[in-house]
Amino acid sequence: MDQSSERQIRSIDVAGKQLNIELGLLSQQNIKAVMAISARAFPKPWNENEFAYFIQHDFGLCWGAFFQNQLVGYLLTLLVQGELDIVSIAVSPEFRRAGIAQILIEEAWRDNRVQSAFLEVDAENLSALKLYEKANFQKYGIRRKYYEGKRDAVVMKKTKR
């Protein structure tokens, strides 16, 4: 997929300090940093090949948020025929609640090729549900026992008008 590698800078507030966060597309060189963030964010993180699959995929649209050239958040998606499948999003614990996840979602949504987006989120992950609702995703359905055969997933969608 042809993606612009131009980076953008956003200013965010972290613990009362204004910090500049740089947004850019992820590449093979970022996989280890993505894995490190995932290991701190999820109880069962993916392996290197699983992350590489999305970052290197022809339809991958994968964004990173960088602070002083260090990856502090990521968004992995696939964009197929105008539909954005949000696969994974995570932010380093020390940068959470600063709006980075929302900025990453907005950046992907801004792509002119995106007409709609969908995702699955753990029904017990209230902070993620709140994030997606704030980003104007609507609850669409439930996937029973989606996570490890135990926890339900909420399917959420968003469409450009």
Foldseek 3Di string as FASTA:
>chain_A
DDDDFDKDWDWWAAPNDTFIKIKGQDALVCLVLVQVQQVVVDPDGDDSVVVNCQSVPPQWGKMFIDGPNRTFKIWIWGADQQEIETDDIGGHPSCPPGCPRVVRVVVVCPPPSHFKYKYKDFPPPVVVVVSVVVVVWDFDAKDQCPPPNHTIITMTMDGDD
